[in-house]
Amino acid sequence: MDRIARIKEFLVANPNDNFLRHALALEFIKIADNTGARALFESILTETPDYVGSYYHLAKLLEQMNEQTLAIEWYEKGMAEAKKAKDQHSYNELQAAYEDLVY
């Protein structure tokens, strides 16, 4: 059974598990299903804005999809959430990607 099928199987039992949803989105990126990945990341962050790990990946995906304005917005939201969570590592990662895009 491939990774996507296994993750989907786990999600049947735990449909709101953000770790599994995030992992599935990353698998979708690997197979170039950017629409599926984007929908999952956006769903995670809309429902659970403090799930800081997904901001970077969503914004990077948006950059690849030539949606720089949206990518900037998600980087900014992610930095705000990382700051609230006192997650300096994630904040620095988001800020560096944000600065690479903006400047």
C-alpha atoms as a PDB file:
ATOM      1  CA  MET A   1       0.000   0.000   0.000  1.00  0.00           C
ATOM      2  CA  ASP A   2       1.410   3.399  -0.900  1.00  0.00           C
ATOM      3  CA  ARG A   3       1.928   6.224   1.567  1.00  0.00           C
ATOM      4  CA  ILE A   4      -1.090   8.248   0.442  1.00  0.00           C
ATOM      5  CA  ALA A   5      -3.403   5.261   0.823  1.00  0.00           C
ATOM      6  CA  ARG A   6      -2.003   4.485   4.288  1.00  0.00           C
ATOM      7  CA  ILE A   7      -2.405   8.070   5.475  1.00  0.00           C
ATOM      8  CA  LYS A   8      -5.964   8.190   4.120  1.00  0.00           C
ATOM      9  CA  GLU A   9      -6.700   4.952   5.964  1.00  0.00           C
ATOM     10  CA  PHE A  10      -5.457   6.482   9.236  1.00  0.00           C
ATOM     11  CA  LEU A  11      -7.525   9.591   8.537  1.00  0.00           C
ATOM     12  CA  VAL A  12     -10.698   7.529   8.379  1.00  0.00           C
ATOM     13  CA  ALA A  13     -10.238   6.785  12.079  1.00  0.00           C
ATOM     14  CA  ASN A  14      -8.901  10.275  12.929  1.00  0.00           C
ATOM     15  CA  PRO A  15     -10.246  12.742  10.353  1.00  0.00           C
ATOM     16  CA  ASN A  16      -9.159  15.830  12.286  1.00  0.00           C
ATOM     17  CA  ASP A  17      -5.595  14.713  12.998  1.00  0.00           C
ATOM     18  CA  ASN A  18      -3.533  17.658  11.776  1.00  0.00           C
ATOM     19  CA  PHE A  19      -0.309  15.678  11.728  1.00  0.00           C
ATOM     20  CA  LEU A  20      -1.852  13.172   9.321  1.00  0.00           C
ATOM     21  CA  ARG A  21      -3.502  15.887   7.227  1.00  0.00           C
ATOM     22  CA  HIS A  22      -0.193  17.775   7.012  1.00  0.00           C
ATOM     23  CA  ALA A  23       1.610  14.565   6.027  1.00  0.00           C
ATOM     24  CA  LEU A  24      -0.985  13.896   3.328  1.00  0.00           C
ATOM     25  CA  ALA A  25      -0.562  17.425   1.962  1.00  0.00           C
ATOM     26  CA  LEU A  26       3.203  16.863   1.730  1.00  0.00           C
ATOM     27  CA  GLU A  27       2.596  13.609  -0.140  1.00  0.00           C
ATOM     28  CA  PHE A  28       0.280  15.448  -2.540  1.00  0.00           C
ATOM     29  CA  ILE A  29       3.082  17.933  -3.250  1.00  0.00           C
ATOM     30  CA  LYS A  30       5.380  15.018  -4.135  1.00  0.00           C
ATOM     31  CA  ILE A  31       2.944  13.863  -6.823  1.00  0.00           C
ATOM     32  CA  ALA A  32       2.273  17.433  -8.035  1.00  0.00           C
ATOM     33  CA  ASP A  33      -1.287  17.539  -6.677  1.00  0.00           C
ATOM     34  CA  ASN A  34      -0.867  21.174  -5.663  1.00  0.00           C
ATOM     35  CA  THR A  35      -4.606  21.788  -5.489  1.00  0.00           C
ATOM     36  CA  GLY A  36      -5.104  18.926  -3.048  1.00  0.00           C
ATOM     37  CA  ALA A  37      -2.136  19.995  -0.935  1.00  0.00           C
ATOM     38  CA  ARG A  38      -3.285  23.598  -0.854  1.00  0.00           C
ATOM     39  CA  ALA A  39      -6.815  22.629   0.188  1.00  0.00           C
ATOM     40  CA  LEU A  40      -5.488  20.508   3.051  1.00  0.00           C
ATOM     41  CA  PHE A  41      -3.070  23.157   4.318  1.00  0.00           C
ATOM     42  CA  GLU A  42      -5.748  25.853   4.128  1.00  0.00           C
ATOM     43  CA  SER A  43      -8.208  23.616   5.944  1.00  0.00           C
ATOM     44  CA  ILE A  44      -5.713  22.856   8.707  1.00  0.00           C
ATOM     45  CA  LEU A  45      -4.832  26.517   9.214  1.00  0.00           C
ATOM     46  CA  THR A  46      -8.421  27.754   9.038  1.00  0.00           C
ATOM     47  CA  GLU A  47      -9.544  25.220  11.637  1.00  0.00           C
ATOM     48  CA  THR A  48      -6.381  25.297  13.772  1.00  0.00           C
ATOM     49  CA  PRO A  49      -4.461  28.558  13.244  1.00  0.00           C
ATOM     50  CA  ASP A  50      -1.911  27.580  15.899  1.00  0.00           C
ATOM     51  CA  TYR A  51      -0.685  24.585  13.842  1.00  0.00           C
ATOM     52  CA  VAL A  52       2.417  26.580  12.978  1.00  0.00           C
ATOM     53  CA  GLY A  53       4.198  23.926  10.912  1.00  0.00           C
ATOM     54  CA  SER A  54       1.788  24.219   7.988  1.00  0.00           C
ATOM     55  CA  TYR A  55       2.276  27.937   7.318  1.00  0.00           C
ATOM     56  CA  TYR A  56       5.709  27.552   5.774  1.00  0.00           C
ATOM     57  CA  HIS A  57       4.655  24.720   3.489  1.00  0.00           C
ATOM     58  CA  LEU A  58       1.476  26.457   2.338  1.00  0.00           C
ATOM     59  CA  ALA A  59       3.294  29.709   1.608  1.00  0.00           C
ATOM     60  CA  LYS A  60       6.082  27.890  -0.278  1.00  0.00           C
ATOM     61  CA  LEU A  61       3.462  26.043  -2.310  1.00  0.00           C
ATOM     62  CA  LEU A  62       1.725  29.327  -3.133  1.00  0.00           C
ATOM     63  CA  GLU A  63       5.060  30.765  -4.271  1.00  0.00           C
ATOM     64  CA  GLN A  64       5.480  27.805  -6.640  1.00  0.00           C
ATOM     65  CA  MET A  65       1.950  28.417  -7.908  1.00  0.00           C
ATOM     66  CA  ASN A  66       2.904  32.060  -8.673  1.00  0.00           C
ATOM     67  CA  GLU A  67       0.595  33.432  -5.995  1.00  0.00           C
ATOM     68  CA  GLN A  68       3.153  35.639  -4.275  1.00  0.00           C
ATOM     69  CA  THR A  69       0.630  37.987  -2.660  1.00  0.00           C
ATOM     70  CA  LEU A  70      -1.130  35.101  -0.952  1.00  0.00           C
ATOM     71  CA  ALA A  71       2.197  33.538   0.015  1.00  0.00           C
ATOM     72  CA  ILE A  72       3.200  36.782   1.725  1.00  0.00           C
ATOM     73  CA  GLU A  73      -0.099  36.840   3.635  1.00  0.00           C
ATOM     74  CA  TRP A  74       0.382  33.273   4.859  1.00  0.00           C
ATOM     75  CA  TYR A  75       3.995  33.940   5.878  1.00  0.00           C
ATOM     76  CA  GLU A  76       2.786  36.943   7.874  1.00  0.00           C
ATOM     77  CA  LYS A  77      -0.003  34.929   9.535  1.00  0.00           C
ATOM     78  CA  GLY A  78       2.490  32.196  10.335  1.00  0.00           C
ATOM     79  CA  MET A  79       4.975  34.609  11.877  1.00  0.00           C
ATOM     80  CA  ALA A  80       2.211  36.055  14.059  1.00  0.00           C
ATOM     81  CA  GLU A  81       1.146  32.584  15.223  1.00  0.00           C
ATOM     82  CA  ALA A  82       4.745  31.479  15.823  1.00  0.00           C
ATOM     83  CA  LYS A  83       5.328  34.596  17.894  1.00  0.00           C
ATOM     84  CA  LYS A  84       2.171  33.891  19.928  1.00  0.00           C
ATOM     85  CA  ALA A  85       3.354  30.324  20.496  1.00  0.00           C
ATOM     86  CA  LYS A  86       6.850  31.556  21.408  1.00  0.00           C
ATOM     87  CA  ASP A  87       8.202  29.250  18.688  1.00  0.00           C
ATOM     88  CA  GLN A  88      11.337  31.150  17.707  1.00  0.00           C
ATOM     89  CA  HIS A  89      12.619  28.456  15.355  1.00  0.00           C
ATOM     90  CA  SER A  90       9.442  28.489  13.237  1.00  0.00           C
ATOM     91  CA  TYR A  91       9.317  32.271  13.374  1.00  0.00           C
ATOM     92  CA  ASN A  92      12.877  32.532  12.051  1.00  0.00           C
ATOM     93  CA  GLU A  93      12.184  30.017   9.283  1.00  0.00           C
ATOM     94  CA  LEU A  94       9.035  31.867   8.198  1.00  0.00           C
ATOM     95  CA  GLN A  95      10.733  35.250   8.401  1.00  0.00           C
ATOM     96  CA  ALA A  96      13.691  34.120   6.271  1.00  0.00           C
ATOM     97  CA  ALA A  97      11.376  32.732   3.569  1.00  0.00           C
ATOM     98  CA  TYR A  98       9.236  35.868   3.758  1.00  0.00           C
ATOM     99  CA  GLU A  99      12.268  38.127   3.351  1.00  0.00           C
ATOM    100  CA  ASP A 100      13.562  36.042   0.433  1.00  0.00           C
ATOM    101  CA  LEU A 101      10.255  36.574  -1.311  1.00  0.00           C
ATOM    102  CA  VAL A 102       9.674  40.240  -0.461  1.00  0.00           C
ATOM    103  CA  TYR A 103      13.170  41.695  -0.756  1.00  0.00           C
END
